Amino acid sequence: MANQNNPQPDFPFKPFPLIMGLIAWNILFIFDIFTSGMLGPGAMLALSLLLLSSILLLISSDFRKSILKEGVELERIKKSLYLTSAIAGTILAVLIYMSFK
C-alpha cells in the first residue's frame, strides 16, 4: 500500500503486459524442456526477451509508459533493472557458450 509520503503504487508494473510476458516466458521454457529435455533455443529466447525488456525499460520512455503503472518513477526500479539485466545477460552468455561446445 502506498504511504502518505510516497504516492507511488506498490507494484510498478501493469498487470496485462506482466501476465503476457510471464506466459511467453513459460511457453518458451516448457517448449524447450518437452522437445529436447534441456535448455536450448527457447530458453535463450526467453532470456533474450527478459534482457531486452530490462534494457528498454531503462532507455525508452515510450516502452516504460506501456509497461509501468502511472506515476512510477524509473529511479524506484532502476537498481532492479540493472540486476535483472546483469543476471539475464550472464546466464544467456553461459547458455550460448555451452551450445557451441
PDB file of N, CA and C in Angstrom:
ATOM      1  N   MET A   1       0.844  -1.173   0.000  1.00  0.00           N
ATOM      2  CA  MET A   1       0.000   0.000   0.000  1.00  0.00           C
ATOM      3  C   MET A   1       0.891   1.239   0.000  1.00  0.00           C
ATOM      4  N   ALA A   2       0.548   2.220  -0.820  1.00  0.00           N
ATOM      5  CA  ALA A   2       1.344   3.441  -0.897  1.00  0.00           C
ATOM      6  C   ALA A   2       1.149   4.264   0.374  1.00  0.00           C
ATOM      7  N   ASN A   3       2.244   4.811   0.901  1.00  0.00           N
ATOM      8  CA  ASN A   3       2.127   5.599   2.116  1.00  0.00           C
ATOM      9  C   ASN A   3       1.881   7.069   1.782  1.00  0.00           C
ATOM     10  N   GLN A   4       1.703   7.889   2.807  1.00  0.00           N
ATOM     11  CA  GLN A   4       1.364   9.299   2.627  1.00  0.00           C
ATOM     12  C   GLN A   4       2.508  10.081   1.968  1.00  0.00           C
ATOM     13  N   ASN A   5       3.749   9.739   2.305  1.00  0.00           N
ATOM     14  CA  ASN A   5       4.892  10.482   1.786  1.00  0.00           C
ATOM     15  C   ASN A   5       5.266  10.085   0.369  1.00  0.00           C
ATOM     16  N   ASN A   6       4.921   8.884  -0.061  1.00  0.00           N
ATOM     17  CA  ASN A   6       5.271   8.395  -1.383  1.00  0.00           C
ATOM     18  C   ASN A   6       4.006   7.900  -2.074  1.00  0.00           C
ATOM     19  N   PRO A   7       3.401   8.697  -2.947  1.00  0.00           N
ATOM     20  CA  PRO A   7       2.120   8.318  -3.546  1.00  0.00           C
ATOM     21  C   PRO A   7       2.240   7.319  -4.694  1.00  0.00           C
ATOM     22  N   GLN A   8       3.388   6.700  -4.907  1.00  0.00           N
ATOM     23  CA  GLN A   8       3.554   5.751  -5.997  1.00  0.00           C
ATOM     24  C   GLN A   8       2.841   4.441  -5.671  1.00  0.00           C
ATOM     25  N   PRO A   9       2.359   3.743  -6.714  1.00  0.00           N
ATOM     26  CA  PRO A   9       1.708   2.448  -6.491  1.00  0.00           C
ATOM     27  C   PRO A   9       2.693   1.430  -5.918  1.00  0.00           C
ATOM     28  N   ASP A  10       2.155   0.432  -5.203  1.00  0.00           N
ATOM     29  CA  ASP A  10       3.001  -0.600  -4.601  1.00  0.00           C
ATOM     30  C   ASP A  10       3.737  -1.425  -5.649  1.00  0.00           C
ATOM     31  N   PHE A  11       3.015  -1.973  -6.593  1.00  0.00           N
ATOM     32  CA  PHE A  11       3.621  -2.818  -7.622  1.00  0.00           C
ATOM     33  C   PHE A  11       3.759  -1.983  -8.887  1.00  0.00           C
ATOM     34  N   PRO A  12       4.956  -1.862  -9.450  1.00  0.00           N
ATOM     35  CA  PRO A  12       5.183  -0.885 -10.519  1.00  0.00           C
ATOM     36  C   PRO A  12       4.685  -1.276 -11.903  1.00  0.00           C
ATOM     37  N   PHE A  13       4.366  -2.554 -12.154  1.00  0.00           N
ATOM     38  CA  PHE A  13       4.021  -2.988 -13.500  1.00  0.00           C
ATOM     39  C   PHE A  13       2.519  -3.103 -13.711  1.00  0.00           C
ATOM     40  N   LYS A  14       2.081  -2.800 -14.940  1.00  0.00           N
ATOM     41  CA  LYS A  14       0.687  -3.015 -15.309  1.00  0.00           C
ATOM     42  C   LYS A  14       0.446  -4.514 -15.404  1.00  0.00           C
ATOM     43  N   PRO A  15      -0.742  -4.977 -15.024  1.00  0.00           N
ATOM     44  CA  PRO A  15      -0.978  -6.422 -14.977  1.00  0.00           C
ATOM     45  C   PRO A  15      -0.955  -7.115 -16.343  1.00  0.00           C
ATOM     46  N   PHE A  16      -1.563  -6.521 -17.370  1.00  0.00           N
ATOM     47  CA  PHE A  16      -1.666  -7.211 -18.656  1.00  0.00           C
ATOM     48  C   PHE A  16      -0.304  -7.480 -19.294  1.00  0.00           C
ATOM     49  N   PRO A  17       0.597  -6.480 -19.432  1.00  0.00           N
ATOM     50  CA  PRO A  17       1.912  -6.795 -20.015  1.00  0.00           C
ATOM     51  C   PRO A  17       2.712  -7.785 -19.172  1.00  0.00           C
ATOM     52  N   LEU A  18       2.567  -7.710 -17.868  1.00  0.00           N
ATOM     53  CA  LEU A  18       3.286  -8.630 -16.986  1.00  0.00           C
ATOM     54  C   LEU A  18       2.795 -10.065 -17.182  1.00  0.00           C
ATOM     55  N   ILE A  19       1.500 -10.260 -17.231  1.00  0.00           N
ATOM     56  CA  ILE A  19       0.932 -11.600 -17.419  1.00  0.00           C
ATOM     57  C   ILE A  19       1.305 -12.150 -18.793  1.00  0.00           C
ATOM     58  N   MET A  20       1.253 -11.328 -19.825  1.00  0.00           N
ATOM     59  CA  MET A  20       1.615 -11.785 -21.171  1.00  0.00           C
ATOM     60  C   MET A  20       3.095 -12.170 -21.226  1.00  0.00           C
ATOM     61  N   GLY A  21       3.934 -11.389 -20.567  1.00  0.00           N
ATOM     62  CA  GLY A  21       5.360 -11.704 -20.526  1.00  0.00           C
ATOM     63  C   GLY A  21       5.628 -13.011 -19.795  1.00  0.00           C
ATOM     64  N   LEU A  22       4.945 -13.227 -18.687  1.00  0.00           N
ATOM     65  CA  LEU A  22       5.122 -14.475 -17.933  1.00  0.00           C
ATOM     66  C   LEU A  22       4.628 -15.682 -18.721  1.00  0.00           C
ATOM     67  N   ILE A  23       3.537 -15.520 -19.442  1.00  0.00           N
ATOM     68  CA  ILE A  23       3.023 -16.620 -20.267  1.00  0.00           C
ATOM     69  C   ILE A  23       4.021 -16.951 -21.373  1.00  0.00           C
ATOM     70  N   ALA A  24       4.538 -15.934 -22.055  1.00  0.00           N
ATOM     71  CA  ALA A  24       5.524 -16.166 -23.117  1.00  0.00           C
ATOM     72  C   ALA A  24       6.780 -16.820 -22.554  1.00  0.00           C
ATOM     73  N   TRP A  25       7.243 -16.328 -21.414  1.00  0.00           N
ATOM     74  CA  TRP A  25       8.434 -16.881 -20.747  1.00  0.00           C
ATOM     75  C   TRP A  25       8.250 -18.369 -20.478  1.00  0.00           C
ATOM     76  N   ASN A  26       7.107 -18.744 -19.891  1.00  0.00           N
ATOM     77  CA  ASN A  26       6.845 -20.143 -19.551  1.00  0.00           C
ATOM     78  C   ASN A  26       6.687 -21.020 -20.790  1.00  0.00           C
ATOM     79  N   ILE A  27       6.023 -20.504 -21.812  1.00  0.00           N
ATOM     80  CA  ILE A  27       5.851 -21.278 -23.046  1.00  0.00           C
ATOM     81  C   ILE A  27       7.208 -21.598 -23.663  1.00  0.00           C
ATOM     82  N   LEU A  28       8.097 -20.624 -23.701  1.00  0.00           N
ATOM     83  CA  LEU A  28       9.423 -20.850 -24.289  1.00  0.00           C
ATOM     84  C   LEU A  28      10.220 -21.882 -23.501  1.00  0.00           C
ATOM     85  N   PHE A  29      10.200 -21.805 -22.183  1.00  0.00           N
ATOM     86  CA  PHE A  29      10.917 -22.786 -21.372  1.00  0.00           C
ATOM     87  C   PHE A  29      10.292 -24.171 -21.463  1.00  0.00           C
ATOM     88  N   ILE A  30       8.975 -24.255 -21.391  1.00  0.00           N
ATOM     89  CA  ILE A  30       8.286 -25.546 -21.448  1.00  0.00           C
ATOM     90  C   ILE A  30       8.499 -26.206 -22.803  1.00  0.00           C
ATOM     91  N   PHE A  31       8.474 -25.416 -23.867  1.00  0.00           N
ATOM     92  CA  PHE A  31       8.718 -25.953 -25.208  1.00  0.00           C
ATOM     93  C   PHE A  31      10.094 -26.604 -25.274  1.00  0.00           C
ATOM     94  N   ASP A  32      11.101 -25.937 -24.728  1.00  0.00           N
ATOM     95  CA  ASP A  32      12.454 -26.488 -24.711  1.00  0.00           C
ATOM     96  C   ASP A  32      12.530 -27.774 -23.904  1.00  0.00           C
ATOM     97  N   ILE A  33      11.940 -27.783 -22.742  1.00  0.00           N
ATOM     98  CA  ILE A  33      12.042 -28.935 -21.859  1.00  0.00           C
ATOM     99  C   ILE A  33      11.326 -30.149 -22.455  1.00  0.00           C
ATOM    100  N   PHE A  34      10.161 -29.925 -23.082  1.00  0.00           N
ATOM    101  CA  PHE A  34       9.427 -31.050 -23.648  1.00  0.00           C
ATOM    102  C   PHE A  34       9.997 -31.539 -24.971  1.00  0.00           C
ATOM    103  N   THR A  35      10.629 -30.669 -25.748  1.00  0.00           N
ATOM    104  CA  THR A  35      11.148 -31.101 -27.047  1.00  0.00           C
ATOM    105  C   THR A  35      12.533 -31.716 -26.942  1.00  0.00           C
ATOM    106  N   SER A  36      13.412 -31.120 -26.141  1.00  0.00           N
ATOM    107  CA  SER A  36      14.777 -31.641 -26.087  1.00  0.00           C
ATOM    108  C   SER A  36      15.177 -32.140 -24.706  1.00  0.00           C
ATOM    109  N   GLY A  37      14.409 -31.850 -23.687  1.00  0.00           N
ATOM    110  CA  GLY A  37      14.734 -32.286 -22.344  1.00  0.00           C
ATOM    111  C   GLY A  37      15.778 -31.432 -21.653  1.00  0.00           C
ATOM    112  N   MET A  38      16.233 -30.390 -22.313  1.00  0.00           N
ATOM    113  CA  MET A  38      17.225 -29.499 -21.716  1.00  0.00           C
ATOM    114  C   MET A  38      17.004 -28.076 -22.221  1.00  0.00           C
ATOM    115  N   LEU A  39      17.773 -27.158 -21.705  1.00  0.00           N
ATOM    116  CA  LEU A  39      17.630 -25.770 -22.121  1.00  0.00           C
ATOM    117  C   LEU A  39      18.316 -25.572 -23.462  1.00  0.00           C
ATOM    118  N   GLY A  40      17.620 -24.886 -24.364  1.00  0.00           N
ATOM    119  CA  GLY A  40      18.151 -24.671 -25.704  1.00  0.00           C
ATOM    120  C   GLY A  40      17.706 -23.330 -26.248  1.00  0.00           C
ATOM    121  N   PRO A  41      17.281 -23.311 -27.498  1.00  0.00           N
ATOM    122  CA  PRO A  41      16.915 -22.043 -28.144  1.00  0.00           C
ATOM    123  C   PRO A  41      15.742 -21.318 -27.470  1.00  0.00           C
ATOM    124  N   GLY A  42      14.783 -22.070 -26.950  1.00  0.00           N
ATOM    125  CA  GLY A  42      13.645 -21.440 -26.274  1.00  0.00           C
ATOM    126  C   GLY A  42      14.074 -20.698 -25.027  1.00  0.00           C
ATOM    127  N   ALA A  43      14.956 -21.307 -24.248  1.00  0.00           N
ATOM    128  CA  ALA A  43      15.468 -20.656 -23.039  1.00  0.00           C
ATOM    129  C   ALA A  43      16.299 -19.434 -23.400  1.00  0.00           C
ATOM    130  N   MET A  44      17.090 -19.560 -24.455  1.00  0.00           N
ATOM    131  CA  MET A  44      17.899 -18.415 -24.899  1.00  0.00           C
ATOM    132  C   MET A  44      17.003 -17.266 -25.356  1.00  0.00           C
ATOM    133  N   LEU A  45      15.932 -17.603 -26.049  1.00  0.00           N
ATOM    134  CA  LEU A  45      14.994 -16.569 -26.497  1.00  0.00           C
ATOM    135  C   LEU A  45      14.287 -15.925 -25.309  1.00  0.00           C
ATOM    136  N   ALA A  46      13.889 -16.728 -24.335  1.00  0.00           N
ATOM    137  CA  ALA A  46      13.226 -16.190 -23.138  1.00  0.00           C
ATOM    138  C   ALA A  46      14.154 -15.241 -22.388  1.00  0.00           C
ATOM    139  N   LEU A  47      15.406 -15.638 -22.212  1.00  0.00           N
ATOM    140  CA  LEU A  47      16.373 -14.773 -21.530  1.00  0.00           C
ATOM    141  C   LEU A  47      16.683 -13.522 -22.349  1.00  0.00           C
ATOM    142  N   SER A  48      16.716 -13.669 -23.667  1.00  0.00           N
ATOM    143  CA  SER A  48      16.937 -12.506 -24.537  1.00  0.00           C
ATOM    144  C   SER A  48      15.799 -11.502 -24.411  1.00  0.00           C
ATOM    145  N   LEU A  49      14.573 -12.015 -24.337  1.00  0.00           N
ATOM    146  CA  LEU A  49      13.418 -11.127 -24.179  1.00  0.00           C
ATOM    147  C   LEU A  49      13.446 -10.414 -22.827  1.00  0.00           C
ATOM    148  N   LEU A  50      13.855 -11.122 -21.780  1.00  0.00           N
ATOM    149  CA  LEU A  50      13.973 -10.510 -20.463  1.00  0.00           C
ATOM    150  C   LEU A  50      15.054  -9.431 -20.468  1.00  0.00           C
ATOM    151  N   LEU A  51      16.194  -9.733 -21.066  1.00  0.00           N
ATOM    152  CA  LEU A  51      17.291  -8.773 -21.160  1.00  0.00           C
ATOM    153  C   LEU A  51      16.873  -7.556 -21.973  1.00  0.00           C
ATOM    154  N   LEU A  52      16.234  -7.786 -23.105  1.00  0.00           N
ATOM    155  CA  LEU A  52      15.787  -6.689 -23.954  1.00  0.00           C
ATOM    156  C   LEU A  52      14.744  -5.828 -23.242  1.00  0.00           C
ATOM    157  N   SER A  53      13.814  -6.461 -22.544  1.00  0.00           N
ATOM    158  CA  SER A  53      12.786  -5.708 -21.815  1.00  0.00           C
ATOM    159  C   SER A  53      13.404  -4.847 -20.716  1.00  0.00           C
ATOM    160  N   SER A  54      14.370  -5.406 -19.997  1.00  0.00           N
ATOM    161  CA  SER A  54      15.032  -4.640 -18.929  1.00  0.00           C
ATOM    162  C   SER A  54      15.773  -3.441 -19.491  1.00  0.00           C
ATOM    163  N   ILE A  55      16.475  -3.649 -20.592  1.00  0.00           N
ATOM    164  CA  ILE A  55      17.226  -2.549 -21.202  1.00  0.00           C
ATOM    165  C   ILE A  55      16.268  -1.499 -21.767  1.00  0.00           C
ATOM    166  N   LEU A  56      15.199  -1.945 -22.414  1.00  0.00           N
ATOM    167  CA  LEU A  56      14.224  -0.986 -22.954  1.00  0.00           C
ATOM    168  C   LEU A  56      13.539  -0.184 -21.851  1.00  0.00           C
ATOM    169  N   LEU A  57      13.272  -0.809 -20.721  1.00  0.00           N
ATOM    170  CA  LEU A  57      12.690  -0.065 -19.602  1.00  0.00           C
ATOM    171  C   LEU A  57      13.646   1.021 -19.108  1.00  0.00           C
ATOM    172  N   LEU A  58      14.937   0.765 -19.207  1.00  0.00           N
ATOM    173  CA  LEU A  58      15.923   1.757 -18.775  1.00  0.00           C
ATOM    174  C   LEU A  58      16.087   2.907 -19.765  1.00  0.00           C
ATOM    175  N   ILE A  59      15.971   2.627 -21.072  1.00  0.00           N
ATOM    176  CA  ILE A  59      16.316   3.657 -22.055  1.00  0.00           C
ATOM    177  C   ILE A  59      15.140   4.242 -22.833  1.00  0.00           C
ATOM    178  N   SER A  60      14.006   3.561 -22.888  1.00  0.00           N
ATOM    179  CA  SER A  60      12.899   4.026 -23.722  1.00  0.00           C
ATOM    180  C   SER A  60      11.713   4.498 -22.878  1.00  0.00           C
ATOM    181  N   SER A  61      11.419   5.776 -22.975  1.00  0.00           N
ATOM    182  CA  SER A  61      10.293   6.315 -22.200  1.00  0.00           C
ATOM    183  C   SER A  61       8.950   5.805 -22.733  1.00  0.00           C
ATOM    184  N   ASP A  62       8.845   5.576 -24.049  1.00  0.00           N
ATOM    185  CA  ASP A  62       7.591   5.052 -24.602  1.00  0.00           C
ATOM    186  C   ASP A  62       7.326   3.625 -24.123  1.00  0.00           C
ATOM    187  N   PHE A  63       8.356   2.795 -24.117  1.00  0.00           N
ATOM    188  CA  PHE A  63       8.211   1.424 -23.627  1.00  0.00           C
ATOM    189  C   PHE A  63       7.872   1.435 -22.145  1.00  0.00           C
ATOM    190  N   ARG A  64       8.518   2.327 -21.412  1.00  0.00           N
ATOM    191  CA  ARG A  64       8.272   2.460 -19.970  1.00  0.00           C
ATOM    192  C   ARG A  64       6.814   2.824 -19.704  1.00  0.00           C
ATOM    193  N   LYS A  65       6.253   3.728 -20.507  1.00  0.00           N
ATOM    194  CA  LYS A  65       4.852   4.135 -20.324  1.00  0.00           C
ATOM    195  C   LYS A  65       3.888   2.983 -20.583  1.00  0.00           C
ATOM    196  N   SER A  66       4.252   2.090 -21.509  1.00  0.00           N
ATOM    197  CA  SER A  66       3.353   0.982 -21.828  1.00  0.00           C
ATOM    198  C   SER A  66       3.440  -0.165 -20.825  1.00  0.00           C
ATOM    199  N   ILE A  67       4.526  -0.243 -20.046  1.00  0.00           N
ATOM    200  CA  ILE A  67       4.717  -1.354 -19.115  1.00  0.00           C
ATOM    201  C   ILE A  67       4.466  -0.955 -17.665  1.00  0.00           C
ATOM    202  N   LEU A  68       4.907   0.249 -17.286  1.00  0.00           N
ATOM    203  CA  LEU A  68       4.806   0.663 -15.886  1.00  0.00           C
ATOM    204  C   LEU A  68       3.481   1.358 -15.602  1.00  0.00           C
ATOM    205  N   LYS A  69       3.028   1.230 -14.376  1.00  0.00           N
ATOM    206  CA  LYS A  69       1.816   1.928 -13.946  1.00  0.00           C
ATOM    207  C   LYS A  69       2.061   3.430 -13.936  1.00  0.00           C
ATOM    208  N   GLU A  70       0.992   4.161 -14.015  1.00  0.00           N
ATOM    209  CA  GLU A  70       1.047   5.624 -13.983  1.00  0.00           C
ATOM    210  C   GLU A  70       1.651   6.095 -12.664  1.00  0.00           C
ATOM    211  N   GLY A  71       2.602   7.002 -12.741  1.00  0.00           N
ATOM    212  CA  GLY A  71       3.193   7.589 -11.553  1.00  0.00           C
ATOM    213  C   GLY A  71       4.422   6.877 -11.013  1.00  0.00           C
ATOM    214  N   VAL A  72       4.825   5.777 -11.647  1.00  0.00           N
ATOM    215  CA  VAL A  72       6.015   5.053 -11.186  1.00  0.00           C
ATOM    216  C   VAL A  72       7.252   5.729 -11.769  1.00  0.00           C
ATOM    217  N   GLU A  73       8.175   6.068 -10.908  1.00  0.00           N
ATOM    218  CA  GLU A  73       9.417   6.714 -11.337  1.00  0.00           C
ATOM    219  C   GLU A  73      10.462   5.647 -11.659  1.00  0.00           C
ATOM    220  N   LEU A  74      11.281   5.926 -12.665  1.00  0.00           N
ATOM    221  CA  LEU A  74      12.335   4.996 -13.064  1.00  0.00           C
ATOM    222  C   LEU A  74      13.334   4.774 -11.932  1.00  0.00           C
ATOM    223  N   GLU A  75      13.627   5.810 -11.179  1.00  0.00           N
ATOM    224  CA  GLU A  75      14.607   5.697 -10.092  1.00  0.00           C
ATOM    225  C   GLU A  75      14.220   4.618  -9.088  1.00  0.00           C
ATOM    226  N   ARG A  76      12.934   4.385  -8.941  1.00  0.00           N
ATOM    227  CA  ARG A  76      12.450   3.398  -7.977  1.00  0.00           C
ATOM    228  C   ARG A  76      12.845   1.968  -8.353  1.00  0.00           C
ATOM    229  N   ILE A  77      12.901   1.675  -9.655  1.00  0.00           N
ATOM    230  CA  ILE A  77      13.173   0.300 -10.090  1.00  0.00           C
ATOM    231  C   ILE A  77      14.488   0.173 -10.853  1.00  0.00           C
ATOM    232  N   LYS A  78      15.254   1.231 -10.938  1.00  0.00           N
ATOM    233  CA  LYS A  78      16.478   1.223 -11.743  1.00  0.00           C
ATOM    234  C   LYS A  78      17.467   0.163 -11.279  1.00  0.00           C
ATOM    235  N   LYS A  79      17.706   0.030  -9.986  1.00  0.00           N
ATOM    236  CA  LYS A  79      18.668  -0.961  -9.480  1.00  0.00           C
ATOM    237  C   LYS A  79      18.210  -2.377  -9.811  1.00  0.00           C
ATOM    238  N   SER A  80      16.921  -2.632  -9.687  1.00  0.00           N
ATOM    239  CA  SER A  80      16.388  -3.957 -10.012  1.00  0.00           C
ATOM    240  C   SER A  80      16.549  -4.267 -11.494  1.00  0.00           C
ATOM    241  N   LEU A  81      16.367  -3.261 -12.336  1.00  0.00           N
ATOM    242  CA  LEU A  81      16.530  -3.471 -13.772  1.00  0.00           C
ATOM    243  C   LEU A  81      17.981  -3.751 -14.136  1.00  0.00           C
ATOM    244  N   TYR A  82      18.906  -3.055 -13.498  1.00  0.00           N
ATOM    245  CA  TYR A  82      20.332  -3.334 -13.725  1.00  0.00           C
ATOM    246  C   TYR A  82      20.687  -4.751 -13.283  1.00  0.00           C
ATOM    247  N   LEU A  83      20.191  -5.159 -12.131  1.00  0.00           N
ATOM    248  CA  LEU A  83      20.456  -6.505 -11.627  1.00  0.00           C
ATOM    249  C   LEU A  83      19.856  -7.561 -12.551  1.00  0.00           C
ATOM    250  N   THR A  84      18.621  -7.346 -12.987  1.00  0.00           N
ATOM    251  CA  THR A  84      17.963  -8.274 -13.901  1.00  0.00           C
ATOM    252  C   THR A  84      18.738  -8.384 -15.205  1.00  0.00           C
ATOM    253  N   SER A  85      19.192  -7.251 -15.728  1.00  0.00           N
ATOM    254  CA  SER A  85      19.974  -7.261 -16.968  1.00  0.00           C
ATOM    255  C   SER A  85      21.277  -8.021 -16.795  1.00  0.00           C
ATOM    256  N   ALA A  86      21.944  -7.806 -15.683  1.00  0.00           N
ATOM    257  CA  ALA A  86      23.219  -8.480 -15.442  1.00  0.00           C
ATOM    258  C   ALA A  86      23.033  -9.994 -15.309  1.00  0.00           C
ATOM    259  N   ILE A  87      22.034 -10.414 -14.566  1.00  0.00           N
ATOM    260  CA  ILE A  87      21.806 -11.843 -14.368  1.00  0.00           C
ATOM    261  C   ILE A  87      21.354 -12.510 -15.668  1.00  0.00           C
ATOM    262  N   ALA A  88      20.390 -11.906 -16.359  1.00  0.00           N
ATOM    263  CA  ALA A  88      19.900 -12.486 -17.612  1.00  0.00           C
ATOM    264  C   ALA A  88      21.011 -12.525 -18.658  1.00  0.00           C
ATOM    265  N   GLY A  89      21.805 -11.468 -18.739  1.00  0.00           N
ATOM    266  CA  GLY A  89      22.904 -11.436 -19.697  1.00  0.00           C
ATOM    267  C   GLY A  89      23.959 -12.483 -19.399  1.00  0.00           C
ATOM    268  N   THR A  90      24.281 -12.686 -18.132  1.00  0.00           N
ATOM    269  CA  THR A  90      25.273 -13.685 -17.746  1.00  0.00           C
ATOM    270  C   THR A  90      24.781 -15.095 -18.056  1.00  0.00           C
ATOM    271  N   ILE A  91      23.552 -15.396 -17.680  1.00  0.00           N
ATOM    272  CA  ILE A  91      23.008 -16.733 -17.943  1.00  0.00           C
ATOM    273  C   ILE A  91      22.900 -16.969 -19.448  1.00  0.00           C
ATOM    274  N   LEU A  92      22.488 -15.957 -20.192  1.00  0.00           N
ATOM    275  CA  LEU A  92      22.388 -16.077 -21.645  1.00  0.00           C
ATOM    276  C   LEU A  92      23.759 -16.334 -22.262  1.00  0.00           C
ATOM    277  N   ALA A  93      24.771 -15.619 -21.798  1.00  0.00           N
ATOM    278  CA  ALA A  93      26.129 -15.822 -22.306  1.00  0.00           C
ATOM    279  C   ALA A  93      26.615 -17.237 -22.020  1.00  0.00           C
ATOM    280  N   VAL A  94      26.323 -17.762 -20.832  1.00  0.00           N
ATOM    281  CA  VAL A  94      26.725 -19.125 -20.486  1.00  0.00           C
ATOM    282  C   VAL A  94      25.999 -20.137 -21.370  1.00  0.00           C
ATOM    283  N   LEU A  95      24.697 -19.947 -21.582  1.00  0.00           N
ATOM    284  CA  LEU A  95      23.951 -20.872 -22.440  1.00  0.00           C
ATOM    285  C   LEU A  95      24.466 -20.842 -23.874  1.00  0.00           C
ATOM    286  N   ILE A  96      24.772 -19.662 -24.377  1.00  0.00           N
ATOM    287  CA  ILE A  96      25.302 -19.558 -25.736  1.00  0.00           C
ATOM    288  C   ILE A  96      26.666 -20.231 -25.811  1.00  0.00           C
ATOM    289  N   TYR A  97      27.509 -19.996 -24.829  1.00  0.00           N
ATOM    290  CA  TYR A  97      28.828 -20.620 -24.799  1.00  0.00           C
ATOM    291  C   TYR A  97      28.713 -22.138 -24.759  1.00  0.00           C
ATOM    292  N   MET A  98      27.815 -22.633 -23.927  1.00  0.00           N
ATOM    293  CA  MET A  98      27.645 -24.087 -23.797  1.00  0.00           C
ATOM    294  C   MET A  98      27.052 -24.712 -25.064  1.00  0.00           C
ATOM    295  N   SER A  99      26.264 -23.958 -25.792  1.00  0.00           N
ATOM    296  CA  SER A  99      25.662 -24.513 -27.009  1.00  0.00           C
ATOM    297  C   SER A  99      26.695 -24.690 -28.115  1.00  0.00           C
ATOM    298  N   PHE A 100      27.811 -23.960 -28.057  1.00  0.00           N
ATOM    299  CA  PHE A 100      28.854 -24.098 -29.076  1.00  0.00           C
ATOM    300  C   PHE A 100      29.919 -25.115 -28.681  1.00  0.00           C
ATOM    301  N   LYS A 101      29.863 -25.628 -27.490  1.00  0.00           N
ATOM    302  CA  LYS A 101      30.851 -26.631 -27.057  1.00  0.00           C
ATOM    303  C   LYS A 101      30.472 -27.996 -27.542  1.00  0.00           C
TER     304      LYS A 101
END
